[in-house]
């Protein structure tokens, strides 16, 4: 018998996404920062750009998150 498949964690699937690996660089796992809903008129352009950009999951968390997705 083969291995039992692990169910996808639906909350993690909504928060993280995997990129398509190109050129042998490997997959990245990306997530969006929180606090992006309103109040952008008060923020500087630098702060707005940084919060709206997708971020990479750290190397220490990559293995754990990839199991959940």
Protein backbone atom coordinates (compact mmCIF):
# COMPACT_ATOMS: atom_id res chain seq x y z
CA UNK A 1 0.00 0.00 0.00
CA UNK A 2 1.12 3.54 -0.72
CA UNK A 3 1.28 6.52 1.53
CA UNK A 4 -1.90 8.10 2.79
CA UNK A 5 -2.55 11.50 1.24
CA UNK A 6 -2.62 14.45 3.61
CA UNK A 7 -5.71 16.63 3.32
CA UNK A 8 -5.20 20.23 2.23
CA UNK A 9 -5.60 22.68 5.06
CA UNK A 10 -8.21 25.05 3.63
CA UNK A 11 -7.24 28.03 5.77
CA UNK A 12 -3.61 27.69 4.66
CA UNK A 13 -4.66 27.28 1.02
CA UNK A 14 -6.45 30.64 1.18
CA UNK A 15 -3.43 32.42 2.69
CA UNK A 16 -0.45 30.96 0.80
CA UNK A 17 0.33 30.23 -2.84
CA UNK A 18 3.18 28.47 -4.62
CA UNK A 19 4.96 30.00 -7.59
CA UNK A 20 5.88 28.19 -10.78
CA UNK A 21 9.59 27.27 -10.63
CA UNK A 22 11.61 28.65 -13.52
CA UNK A 23 15.24 28.02 -14.31
CA UNK A 24 15.78 25.53 -11.51
CA UNK A 25 15.37 28.13 -8.76
CA UNK A 26 12.73 26.11 -6.93
CA UNK A 27 9.26 26.98 -5.75
CA UNK A 28 8.57 30.00 -3.60
CA UNK A 29 5.68 30.18 -1.18
CA UNK A 30 4.14 33.63 -1.07
CA UNK A 31 1.71 35.32 1.31
CA UNK A 32 0.16 38.76 1.69
CA UNK A 33 0.58 40.94 4.74
CA UNK A 34 -2.36 41.87 6.91
CA UNK A 35 -3.86 45.36 7.54
CA UNK A 36 -4.47 46.20 3.85
CA UNK A 37 -8.12 47.14 3.93
CA UNK A 38 -8.46 50.87 4.51
CA UNK A 39 -6.70 53.98 5.81
CA UNK A 40 -4.25 54.30 2.95
CA UNK A 41 -4.55 58.10 2.77
CA UNK A 42 -2.63 58.39 6.04
CA UNK A 43 0.23 56.16 4.91
CA UNK A 44 3.31 57.11 2.96
CA UNK A 45 3.89 55.73 -0.54
CA UNK A 46 6.73 53.56 0.77
CA UNK A 47 4.52 51.96 3.41
CA UNK A 48 1.71 51.32 0.91
CA UNK A 49 4.06 49.65 -1.56
CA UNK A 50 5.58 47.44 1.12
CA UNK A 51 2.25 46.22 2.49
CA UNK A 52 0.69 45.51 -0.91
CA UNK A 53 3.67 43.46 -2.10
CA UNK A 54 3.63 39.68 -1.68
CA UNK A 55 6.24 38.28 0.69
CA UNK A 56 8.19 35.05 0.76
CA UNK A 57 7.73 32.54 3.54
CA UNK A 58 10.95 32.16 5.52
CA UNK A 59 13.12 29.11 4.95
CA UNK A 60 12.45 27.82 8.46
CA UNK A 61 8.66 27.79 7.85
CA UNK A 62 8.72 26.64 4.22
CA UNK A 63 8.60 22.91 4.96
CA UNK A 64 5.73 23.24 7.44
CA UNK A 65 3.62 25.45 5.17
CA UNK A 66 4.18 23.27 2.10
CA UNK A 67 2.74 20.28 4.00
CA UNK A 68 -0.43 22.24 4.73
CA UNK A 69 -1.00 23.38 1.14
